[in-house]
Amino acid sequence: GKRYRMRSKPTANRAATALRVAAQGLANSHSALGAYYRRMRTRLGAPKAITATAHKLARLVYSMLRYGSDYVDAGQQAYEKQYRDRVLTNLQRKARAFGYQLVQAEGIENGQAPATS
């Protein structure tokens, strides 16, 4: 019942496990990656968000090793502003496609809801 010619036993990828643990640790981080993880967790659920964030971490690590680039964290506010700008651009494009024009409501600045009395 023994197999002699097997080169190595199949194991779980240690790098993937380490990246998933690191991604899970970003849950309460005030960084751009933490904001990304929380946004993905809302949309996809925790397991898929961990995998998506681990994949993003893997791409960052690869670019740092391959090209020698530095990772500079822009912060949570910068990430959320970039995300908000991207959503607004997509909304404007979709509105134009349907023949509408978006107008910002009065009293709304920086994504804050207007005060109600």
Protein backbone atom coordinates (compact mmCIF):
# COMPACT_ATOMS: atom_id res chain seq x y z
CA GLY A 1 0.00 0.00 0.00
CA LYS A 2 3.01 2.34 -0.03
CA ARG A 3 3.84 4.69 -2.88
CA TYR A 4 7.59 4.92 -3.27
CA ARG A 5 8.04 7.31 -6.17
CA MET A 6 6.17 10.25 -4.73
CA ARG A 7 8.54 13.25 -4.56
CA SER A 8 6.84 15.22 -1.78
CA LYS A 9 3.66 14.99 0.19
CA PRO A 10 0.89 17.39 -0.81
CA THR A 11 0.55 20.20 1.71
CA ALA A 12 -1.33 23.44 2.03
CA ASN A 13 0.44 26.43 0.55
CA ARG A 14 2.19 28.13 3.48
CA ALA A 15 2.40 31.48 1.73
CA ALA A 16 -1.36 31.48 1.09
CA THR A 17 -2.03 30.64 4.72
CA ALA A 18 0.28 33.43 5.91
CA LEU A 19 -1.37 35.96 3.57
CA ARG A 20 -4.84 34.95 4.77
CA VAL A 21 -3.80 35.40 8.40
CA ALA A 22 -2.35 38.81 7.54
CA ALA A 23 -5.55 39.74 5.67
CA GLN A 24 -7.68 38.72 8.63
CA GLY A 25 -5.55 40.94 10.86
CA LEU A 26 -6.54 43.97 8.77
CA ALA A 27 -10.14 43.85 10.02
CA ASN A 28 -9.66 46.72 12.48
CA SER A 29 -6.74 48.44 10.77
CA HIS A 30 -7.01 52.13 9.90
CA SER A 31 -5.15 51.60 6.64
CA ALA A 32 -6.29 51.51 3.02
CA LEU A 33 -6.04 47.71 3.06
CA GLY A 34 -8.20 47.58 6.20
CA ALA A 35 -10.84 49.74 4.50
CA TYR A 36 -10.66 47.46 1.44
CA TYR A 37 -11.14 44.36 3.62
CA ARG A 38 -14.16 45.86 5.40
CA ARG A 39 -15.77 46.92 2.11
CA MET A 40 -15.26 43.43 0.66
CA ARG A 41 -16.57 41.81 3.85
CA THR A 42 -19.78 43.84 3.53
CA ARG A 43 -20.24 42.83 -0.09
CA LEU A 44 -18.95 39.24 -0.15
CA GLY A 45 -18.87 37.94 3.40
CA ALA A 46 -15.85 37.29 5.59
CA PRO A 47 -14.30 34.19 3.93
CA LYS A 48 -14.28 35.65 0.42
CA ALA A 49 -13.15 39.03 1.74
CA ILE A 50 -10.17 37.39 3.44
CA THR A 51 -9.24 35.66 0.18
CA ALA A 52 -9.66 38.86 -1.85
CA THR A 53 -7.54 40.86 0.58
CA ALA A 54 -4.91 38.10 0.68
CA HIS A 55 -4.80 38.23 -3.13
CA LYS A 56 -4.29 42.01 -3.01
CA LEU A 57 -1.51 41.51 -0.46
CA ALA A 58 0.09 38.88 -2.70
CA ARG A 59 0.11 41.33 -5.63
CA LEU A 60 1.67 44.01 -3.42
CA VAL A 61 4.36 41.64 -2.14
CA TYR A 62 5.11 40.45 -5.68
CA SER A 63 5.52 44.00 -6.98
CA MET A 64 7.76 44.87 -4.04
CA LEU A 65 9.97 41.82 -4.62
CA ARG A 66 9.97 41.91 -8.42
CA TYR A 67 10.37 45.64 -9.03
CA GLY A 68 11.80 46.81 -5.71
CA SER A 69 8.96 49.28 -5.24
CA ASP A 70 8.03 50.54 -1.81
CA TYR A 71 4.57 50.18 -0.31
CA VAL A 72 3.24 53.51 0.87
CA ASP A 73 -0.08 53.33 2.68
CA ALA A 74 -2.28 56.27 1.72
CA GLY A 75 -4.55 55.70 4.71
CA GLN A 76 -8.20 54.91 5.21
CA GLN A 77 -9.50 58.39 4.33
CA ALA A 78 -7.59 58.50 1.04
CA TYR A 79 -8.90 55.05 0.09
CA GLU A 80 -12.50 55.98 0.92
CA LYS A 81 -12.21 59.25 -1.05
CA GLN A 82 -10.81 57.38 -4.04
CA TYR A 83 -13.64 54.83 -3.78
CA ARG A 84 -16.26 57.59 -3.50
CA ASP A 85 -14.84 59.38 -6.56
CA ARG A 86 -14.90 56.14 -8.53
CA VAL A 87 -18.53 55.47 -7.58
CA LEU A 88 -19.55 59.02 -8.53
CA THR A 89 -17.79 58.75 -11.89
CA ASN A 90 -19.59 55.48 -12.63
CA LEU A 91 -22.94 56.97 -11.58
CA GLN A 92 -22.43 59.98 -13.83
CA ARG A 93 -21.51 57.74 -16.75
CA LYS A 94 -24.61 55.60 -16.23
CA ALA A 95 -26.83 58.68 -15.87
CA ARG A 96 -25.46 60.08 -19.15
CA ALA A 97 -26.15 56.76 -20.86
CA PHE A 98 -29.83 57.07 -19.85
CA GLY A 99 -30.02 60.76 -20.71
CA TYR A 100 -29.97 62.10 -17.16
CA GLN A 101 -27.70 64.52 -15.36
CA LEU A 102 -26.64 64.18 -11.73
CA VAL A 103 -26.95 67.24 -9.50
CA GLN A 104 -25.50 67.39 -5.99
CA ALA A 105 -28.17 68.02 -3.36
CA GLU A 106 -27.88 71.12 -1.18
CA GLY A 107 -26.18 70.70 2.17
CA ILE A 108 -24.38 67.50 1.21
CA GLU A 109 -20.61 67.74 1.38
CA ASN A 110 -18.02 64.97 1.52
CA GLY A 111 -20.61 62.21 1.59
CA GLN A 112 -22.40 63.56 4.68
CA ALA A 113 -26.18 63.37 4.80
CA PRO A 114 -28.01 66.67 5.26
CA ALA A 115 -29.09 67.51 8.77
CA THR A 116 -32.76 66.81 9.40
CA SER A 117 -34.84 68.64 11.98
